[in-house]
């Protein structure tokens, strides 16, 4: 069964995404879209439109990923 696509002409200002990503992540994203029976483009738009953000506009799940960035000192709790 083909992935469900948006009706033709429903995008207001369509653009192509033009940045490199890891192939395994692109393939995984496409598989997730297939499992949801929608196109990868439609899944991308839905994710962006529904992603929970904090008060600074950052994704809520991103904070754990950034905890070990350069320039941050570890704080011992001892």
PDB file of N, CA and C in Angstrom:
ATOM      1  N   UNK A   1       0.846  -1.186   0.000  1.00  0.00           N
ATOM      2  CA  UNK A   1       0.000   0.000   0.000  1.00  0.00           C
ATOM      3  C   UNK A   1       0.890   1.247   0.000  1.00  0.00           C
ATOM      4  N   UNK A   2       0.618   2.165  -0.865  1.00  0.00           N
ATOM      5  CA  UNK A   2       1.387   3.407  -0.954  1.00  0.00           C
ATOM      6  C   UNK A   2       1.056   4.318   0.221  1.00  0.00           C
ATOM      7  N   UNK A   3       2.055   5.096   0.632  1.00  0.00           N
ATOM      8  CA  UNK A   3       1.855   6.039   1.729  1.00  0.00           C
ATOM      9  C   UNK A   3       0.835   7.092   1.330  1.00  0.00           C
ATOM     10  N   UNK A   4       0.027   7.473   2.281  1.00  0.00           N
ATOM     11  CA  UNK A   4      -0.972   8.506   2.035  1.00  0.00           C
ATOM     12  C   UNK A   4      -0.260   9.848   1.841  1.00  0.00           C
ATOM     13  N   UNK A   5      -0.619  10.509   0.777  1.00  0.00           N
ATOM     14  CA  UNK A   5      -0.039  11.820   0.486  1.00  0.00           C
ATOM     15  C   UNK A   5      -1.054  12.909   0.744  1.00  0.00           C
ATOM     16  N   UNK A   6      -0.523  14.099   0.902  1.00  0.00           N
ATOM     17  CA  UNK A   6      -1.409  15.255   1.033  1.00  0.00           C
ATOM     18  C   UNK A   6      -2.092  15.504  -0.298  1.00  0.00           C
ATOM     19  N   UNK A   7      -3.277  16.055  -0.284  1.00  0.00           N
ATOM     20  CA  UNK A   7      -3.935  16.404  -1.549  1.00  0.00           C
ATOM     21  C   UNK A   7      -3.099  17.421  -2.333  1.00  0.00           C
ATOM     22  N   UNK A   8      -3.000  17.224  -3.610  1.00  0.00           N
ATOM     23  CA  UNK A   8      -2.222  18.114  -4.472  1.00  0.00           C
ATOM     24  C   UNK A   8      -2.699  19.559  -4.319  1.00  0.00           C
ATOM     25  N   UNK A   9      -1.720  20.461  -4.234  1.00  0.00           N
ATOM     26  CA  UNK A   9      -2.021  21.887  -4.162  1.00  0.00           C
ATOM     27  C   UNK A   9      -2.365  22.399  -2.775  1.00  0.00           C
ATOM     28  N   UNK A  10      -2.203  21.573  -1.728  1.00  0.00           N
ATOM     29  CA  UNK A  10      -2.582  22.032  -0.380  1.00  0.00           C
ATOM     30  C   UNK A  10      -1.438  22.717   0.357  1.00  0.00           C
ATOM     31  N   UNK A  11      -0.209  22.581  -0.141  1.00  0.00           N
ATOM     32  CA  UNK A  11       0.904  23.281   0.501  1.00  0.00           C
ATOM     33  C   UNK A  11       0.888  24.742   0.087  1.00  0.00           C
ATOM     34  N   UNK A  12       1.096  25.624   1.043  1.00  0.00           N
ATOM     35  CA  UNK A  12       1.054  27.060   0.765  1.00  0.00           C
ATOM     36  C   UNK A  12       2.368  27.550   0.174  1.00  0.00           C
ATOM     37  N   UNK A  13       3.495  27.126   0.744  1.00  0.00           N
ATOM     38  CA  UNK A  13       4.806  27.594   0.303  1.00  0.00           C
ATOM     39  C   UNK A  13       5.787  26.423   0.338  1.00  0.00           C
ATOM     40  N   UNK A  14       5.655  25.459  -0.579  1.00  0.00           N
ATOM     41  CA  UNK A  14       6.495  24.262  -0.526  1.00  0.00           C
ATOM     42  C   UNK A  14       7.955  24.540  -0.865  1.00  0.00           C
ATOM     43  N   UNK A  15       8.851  23.893  -0.107  1.00  0.00           N
ATOM     44  CA  UNK A  15      10.289  23.963  -0.369  1.00  0.00           C
ATOM     45  C   UNK A  15      10.876  22.565  -0.199  1.00  0.00           C
ATOM     46  N   UNK A  16      12.014  22.337  -0.830  1.00  0.00           N
ATOM     47  CA  UNK A  16      12.744  21.093  -0.668  1.00  0.00           C
ATOM     48  C   UNK A  16      13.709  21.248   0.501  1.00  0.00           C
ATOM     49  N   UNK A  17      13.815  20.224   1.346  1.00  0.00           N
ATOM     50  CA  UNK A  17      14.825  20.239   2.401  1.00  0.00           C
ATOM     51  C   UNK A  17      16.164  19.953   1.744  1.00  0.00           C
ATOM     52  N   UNK A  18      17.156  20.757   2.034  1.00  0.00           N
ATOM     53  CA  UNK A  18      18.427  20.607   1.345  1.00  0.00           C
ATOM     54  C   UNK A  18      19.625  20.530   2.268  1.00  0.00           C
ATOM     55  N   UNK A  19      19.548  19.717   3.312  1.00  0.00           N
ATOM     56  CA  UNK A  19      20.702  19.571   4.179  1.00  0.00           C
ATOM     57  C   UNK A  19      21.005  18.098   4.390  1.00  0.00           C
ATOM     58  N   UNK A  20      22.299  17.796   4.534  1.00  0.00           N
ATOM     59  CA  UNK A  20      22.687  16.392   4.663  1.00  0.00           C
ATOM     60  C   UNK A  20      22.358  15.831   6.046  1.00  0.00           C
ATOM     61  N   UNK A  21      21.927  14.595   6.069  1.00  0.00           N
ATOM     62  CA  UNK A  21      21.655  13.867   7.306  1.00  0.00           C
ATOM     63  C   UNK A  21      22.269  12.478   7.178  1.00  0.00           C
ATOM     64  N   UNK A  22      22.391  11.786   8.277  1.00  0.00           N
ATOM     65  CA  UNK A  22      22.891  10.417   8.241  1.00  0.00           C
ATOM     66  C   UNK A  22      21.897   9.541   7.473  1.00  0.00           C
ATOM     67  N   UNK A  23      22.401   8.714   6.585  1.00  0.00           N
ATOM     68  CA  UNK A  23      21.547   7.860   5.779  1.00  0.00           C
ATOM     69  C   UNK A  23      20.664   6.965   6.662  1.00  0.00           C
ATOM     70  N   UNK A  24      21.245   6.414   7.724  1.00  0.00           N
ATOM     71  CA  UNK A  24      20.460   5.516   8.584  1.00  0.00           C
ATOM     72  C   UNK A  24      19.284   6.249   9.218  1.00  0.00           C
ATOM     73  N   UNK A  25      19.455   7.536   9.547  1.00  0.00           N
ATOM     74  CA  UNK A  25      18.355   8.309  10.118  1.00  0.00           C
ATOM     75  C   UNK A  25      17.303   8.640   9.065  1.00  0.00           C
ATOM     76  N   UNK A  26      17.749   8.958   7.843  1.00  0.00           N
ATOM     77  CA  UNK A  26      16.797   9.213   6.762  1.00  0.00           C
ATOM     78  C   UNK A  26      15.976   7.963   6.480  1.00  0.00           C
ATOM     79  N   UNK A  27      16.662   6.822   6.435  1.00  0.00           N
ATOM     80  CA  UNK A  27      15.966   5.561   6.177  1.00  0.00           C
ATOM     81  C   UNK A  27      15.008   5.212   7.320  1.00  0.00           C
ATOM     82  N   UNK A  28      15.439   5.462   8.539  1.00  0.00           N
ATOM     83  CA  UNK A  28      14.560   5.188   9.692  1.00  0.00           C
ATOM     84  C   UNK A  28      13.340   6.100   9.665  1.00  0.00           C
ATOM     85  N   UNK A  29      13.549   7.371   9.329  1.00  0.00           N
ATOM     86  CA  UNK A  29      12.447   8.323   9.248  1.00  0.00           C
ATOM     87  C   UNK A  29      11.448   7.877   8.190  1.00  0.00           C
ATOM     88  N   UNK A  30      11.959   7.445   7.041  1.00  0.00           N
ATOM     89  CA  UNK A  30      11.085   6.960   5.965  1.00  0.00           C
ATOM     90  C   UNK A  30      10.311   5.723   6.422  1.00  0.00           C
ATOM     91  N   UNK A  31      10.958   4.839   7.171  1.00  0.00           N
ATOM     92  CA  UNK A  31      10.278   3.640   7.677  1.00  0.00           C
ATOM     93  C   UNK A  31       9.187   4.008   8.675  1.00  0.00           C
ATOM     94  N   UNK A  32       9.463   4.977   9.525  1.00  0.00           N
ATOM     95  CA  UNK A  32       8.452   5.434  10.491  1.00  0.00           C
ATOM     96  C   UNK A  32       7.249   6.002   9.740  1.00  0.00           C
ATOM     97  N   UNK A  33       7.507   6.791   8.704  1.00  0.00           N
ATOM     98  CA  UNK A  33       6.421   7.359   7.900  1.00  0.00           C
ATOM     99  C   UNK A  33       5.616   6.246   7.229  1.00  0.00           C
ATOM    100  N   UNK A  34       6.316   5.257   6.671  1.00  0.00           N
ATOM    101  CA  UNK A  34       5.611   4.121   6.043  1.00  0.00           C
ATOM    102  C   UNK A  34       4.733   3.403   7.063  1.00  0.00           C
ATOM    103  N   UNK A  35       5.264   3.177   8.262  1.00  0.00           N
ATOM    104  CA  UNK A  35       4.495   2.506   9.313  1.00  0.00           C
ATOM    105  C   UNK A  35       3.249   3.295   9.684  1.00  0.00           C
ATOM    106  N   UNK A  36       3.340   4.629   9.584  1.00  0.00           N
ATOM    107  CA  UNK A  36       2.198   5.500   9.879  1.00  0.00           C
ATOM    108  C   UNK A  36       1.301   5.689   8.656  1.00  0.00           C
ATOM    109  N   UNK A  37       1.718   5.121   7.514  1.00  0.00           N
ATOM    110  CA  UNK A  37       0.978   5.212   6.265  1.00  0.00           C
ATOM    111  C   UNK A  37       0.818   6.656   5.771  1.00  0.00           C
ATOM    112  N   UNK A  38       1.885   7.442   5.959  1.00  0.00           N
ATOM    113  CA  UNK A  38       1.914   8.804   5.416  1.00  0.00           C
ATOM    114  C   UNK A  38       3.271   9.017   4.761  1.00  0.00           C
ATOM    115  N   UNK A  39       3.393  10.050   3.964  1.00  0.00           N
ATOM    116  CA  UNK A  39       4.669  10.342   3.323  1.00  0.00           C
ATOM    117  C   UNK A  39       5.641  10.916   4.347  1.00  0.00           C
ATOM    118  N   UNK A  40       6.932  10.803   4.050  1.00  0.00           N
ATOM    119  CA  UNK A  40       7.950  11.365   4.935  1.00  0.00           C
ATOM    120  C   UNK A  40       7.783  12.882   5.048  1.00  0.00           C
ATOM    121  N   UNK A  41       7.410  13.533   3.969  1.00  0.00           N
ATOM    122  CA  UNK A  41       7.207  14.984   3.996  1.00  0.00           C
ATOM    123  C   UNK A  41       6.046  15.358   4.922  1.00  0.00           C
ATOM    124  N   UNK A  42       4.963  14.600   4.847  1.00  0.00           N
ATOM    125  CA  UNK A  42       3.816  14.870   5.722  1.00  0.00           C
ATOM    126  C   UNK A  42       4.187  14.612   7.172  1.00  0.00           C
ATOM    127  N   UNK A  43       4.975  13.556   7.427  1.00  0.00           N
ATOM    128  CA  UNK A  43       5.411  13.276   8.790  1.00  0.00           C
ATOM    129  C   UNK A  43       6.278  14.407   9.322  1.00  0.00           C
ATOM    130  N   UNK A  44       7.192  14.906   8.488  1.00  0.00           N
ATOM    131  CA  UNK A  44       8.042  16.029   8.898  1.00  0.00           C
ATOM    132  C   UNK A  44       7.193  17.231   9.325  1.00  0.00           C
ATOM    133  N   UNK A  45       6.230  17.602   8.485  1.00  0.00           N
ATOM    134  CA  UNK A  45       5.375  18.745   8.814  1.00  0.00           C
ATOM    135  C   UNK A  45       4.602  18.513  10.109  1.00  0.00           C
ATOM    136  N   UNK A  46       4.069  17.303  10.278  1.00  0.00           N
ATOM    137  CA  UNK A  46       3.324  16.998  11.510  1.00  0.00           C
ATOM    138  C   UNK A  46       4.219  17.064  12.739  1.00  0.00           C
ATOM    139  N   UNK A  47       5.440  16.559  12.625  1.00  0.00           N
ATOM    140  CA  UNK A  47       6.360  16.615  13.762  1.00  0.00           C
ATOM    141  C   UNK A  47       6.682  18.058  14.146  1.00  0.00           C
ATOM    142  N   UNK A  48       6.991  18.867  13.157  1.00  0.00           N
ATOM    143  CA  UNK A  48       7.322  20.268  13.434  1.00  0.00           C
ATOM    144  C   UNK A  48       6.128  20.995  14.045  1.00  0.00           C
ATOM    145  N   UNK A  49       4.948  20.742  13.536  1.00  0.00           N
ATOM    146  CA  UNK A  49       3.752  21.427  14.021  1.00  0.00           C
ATOM    147  C   UNK A  49       3.312  20.961  15.399  1.00  0.00           C
ATOM    148  N   UNK A  50       3.730  19.764  15.818  1.00  0.00           N
ATOM    149  CA  UNK A  50       3.246  19.208  17.084  1.00  0.00           C
ATOM    150  C   UNK A  50       4.340  18.940  18.112  1.00  0.00           C
ATOM    151  N   UNK A  51       5.567  19.356  17.843  1.00  0.00           N
ATOM    152  CA  UNK A  51       6.676  19.108  18.753  1.00  0.00           C
ATOM    153  C   UNK A  51       6.545  19.964  20.013  1.00  0.00           C
ATOM    154  N   UNK A  52       6.553  19.343  21.193  1.00  0.00           N
ATOM    155  CA  UNK A  52       6.474  20.125  22.430  1.00  0.00           C
ATOM    156  C   UNK A  52       7.759  20.935  22.632  1.00  0.00           C
ATOM    157  N   UNK A  53       7.595  22.221  22.900  1.00  0.00           N
ATOM    158  CA  UNK A  53       8.722  23.127  23.083  1.00  0.00           C
ATOM    159  C   UNK A  53       8.704  23.740  24.478  1.00  0.00           C
ATOM    160  N   UNK A  54       9.891  24.122  24.961  1.00  0.00           N
ATOM    161  CA  UNK A  54       9.950  24.816  26.246  1.00  0.00           C
ATOM    162  C   UNK A  54       9.720  26.308  26.015  1.00  0.00           C
ATOM    163  N   UNK A  55       9.882  27.097  27.057  1.00  0.00           N
ATOM    164  CA  UNK A  55       9.614  28.541  26.957  1.00  0.00           C
ATOM    165  C   UNK A  55      10.606  29.271  26.062  1.00  0.00           C
ATOM    166  N   UNK A  56      11.722  28.607  25.701  1.00  0.00           N
ATOM    167  CA  UNK A  56      12.718  29.214  24.814  1.00  0.00           C
ATOM    168  C   UNK A  56      12.585  28.724  23.377  1.00  0.00           C
ATOM    169  N   UNK A  57      11.572  27.914  23.114  1.00  0.00           N
ATOM    170  CA  UNK A  57      11.355  27.397  21.772  1.00  0.00           C
ATOM    171  C   UNK A  57      12.209  26.193  21.434  1.00  0.00           C
ATOM    172  N   UNK A  58      12.826  25.554  22.437  1.00  0.00           N
ATOM    173  CA  UNK A  58      13.639  24.358  22.214  1.00  0.00           C
ATOM    174  C   UNK A  58      12.794  23.124  22.484  1.00  0.00           C
ATOM    175  N   UNK A  59      13.036  22.053  21.723  1.00  0.00           N
ATOM    176  CA  UNK A  59      12.300  20.812  21.993  1.00  0.00           C
ATOM    177  C   UNK A  59      12.554  20.337  23.424  1.00  0.00           C
ATOM    178  N   UNK A  60      11.512  19.865  24.091  1.00  0.00           N
ATOM    179  CA  UNK A  60      11.642  19.424  25.476  1.00  0.00           C
ATOM    180  C   UNK A  60      12.661  18.306  25.627  1.00  0.00           C
ATOM    181  N   UNK A  61      12.745  17.408  24.680  1.00  0.00           N
ATOM    182  CA  UNK A  61      13.648  16.267  24.776  1.00  0.00           C
ATOM    183  C   UNK A  61      15.101  16.629  24.501  1.00  0.00           C
ATOM    184  N   UNK A  62      15.377  17.807  23.985  1.00  0.00           N
ATOM    185  CA  UNK A  62      16.731  18.181  23.593  1.00  0.00           C
ATOM    186  C   UNK A  62      17.626  18.489  24.785  1.00  0.00           C
ATOM    187  N   UNK A  63      17.071  18.896  25.901  1.00  0.00           N
ATOM    188  CA  UNK A  63      17.872  19.318  27.046  1.00  0.00           C
ATOM    189  C   UNK A  63      18.790  18.208  27.540  1.00  0.00           C
ATOM    190  N   UNK A  64      18.333  16.977  27.587  1.00  0.00           N
ATOM    191  CA  UNK A  64      19.177  15.868  28.012  1.00  0.00           C
ATOM    192  C   UNK A  64      20.328  15.661  27.040  1.00  0.00           C
ATOM    193  N   UNK A  65      20.083  15.874  25.770  1.00  0.00           N
ATOM    194  CA  UNK A  65      21.112  15.692  24.755  1.00  0.00           C
ATOM    195  C   UNK A  65      22.213  16.745  24.873  1.00  0.00           C
ATOM    196  N   UNK A  66      21.875  17.930  25.363  1.00  0.00           N
ATOM    197  CA  UNK A  66      22.834  19.033  25.430  1.00  0.00           C
ATOM    198  C   UNK A  66      23.587  19.102  26.748  1.00  0.00           C
ATOM    199  N   UNK A  67      23.262  18.261  27.698  1.00  0.00           N
ATOM    200  CA  UNK A  67      23.824  18.354  29.043  1.00  0.00           C
ATOM    201  C   UNK A  67      25.344  18.221  29.055  1.00  0.00           C
ATOM    202  N   UNK A  68      25.925  17.474  28.134  1.00  0.00           N
ATOM    203  CA  UNK A  68      27.364  17.244  28.147  1.00  0.00           C
ATOM    204  C   UNK A  68      28.112  18.059  27.101  1.00  0.00           C
ATOM    205  N   UNK A  69      27.587  19.202  26.730  1.00  0.00           N
ATOM    206  CA  UNK A  69      28.243  20.012  25.704  1.00  0.00           C
ATOM    207  C   UNK A  69      29.506  20.658  26.243  1.00  0.00           C
ATOM    208  N   UNK A  70      30.436  20.955  25.317  1.00  0.00           N
ATOM    209  CA  UNK A  70      31.650  21.671  25.696  1.00  0.00           C
ATOM    210  C   UNK A  70      31.286  23.009  26.322  1.00  0.00           C
ATOM    211  N   UNK A  71      32.092  23.427  27.277  1.00  0.00           N
ATOM    212  CA  UNK A  71      31.861  24.706  27.920  1.00  0.00           C
ATOM    213  C   UNK A  71      31.022  24.604  29.172  1.00  0.00           C
ATOM    214  N   UNK A  72      30.437  23.457  29.421  1.00  0.00           N
ATOM    215  CA  UNK A  72      29.661  23.266  30.637  1.00  0.00           C
ATOM    216  C   UNK A  72      30.487  22.456  31.616  1.00  0.00           C
ATOM    217  N   UNK A  73      30.543  22.930  32.819  1.00  0.00           N
ATOM    218  CA  UNK A  73      31.307  22.234  33.835  1.00  0.00           C
ATOM    219  C   UNK A  73      30.414  21.281  34.612  1.00  0.00           C
ATOM    220  N   UNK A  74      30.918  20.081  34.914  1.00  0.00           N
ATOM    221  CA  UNK A  74      30.122  19.168  35.729  1.00  0.00           C
ATOM    222  C   UNK A  74      30.062  19.675  37.168  1.00  0.00           C
ATOM    223  N   UNK A  75      28.935  19.530  37.775  1.00  0.00           N
ATOM    224  CA  UNK A  75      28.753  19.953  39.167  1.00  0.00           C
ATOM    225  C   UNK A  75      28.610  18.702  40.007  1.00  0.00           C
ATOM    226  N   UNK A  76      29.548  18.548  40.936  1.00  0.00           N
ATOM    227  CA  UNK A  76      29.490  17.385  41.832  1.00  0.00           C
ATOM    228  C   UNK A  76      28.463  17.625  42.916  1.00  0.00           C
ATOM    229  N   UNK A  77      27.713  16.609  43.245  1.00  0.00           N
ATOM    230  CA  UNK A  77      26.687  16.742  44.276  1.00  0.00           C
ATOM    231  C   UNK A  77      27.173  16.190  45.613  1.00  0.00           C
ATOM    232  N   UNK A  78      28.478  15.954  45.726  1.00  0.00           N
ATOM    233  CA  UNK A  78      29.030  15.370  46.962  1.00  0.00           C
ATOM    234  C   UNK A  78      29.341  16.437  47.950  1.00  0.00           C
TER     235      UNK A  78
END
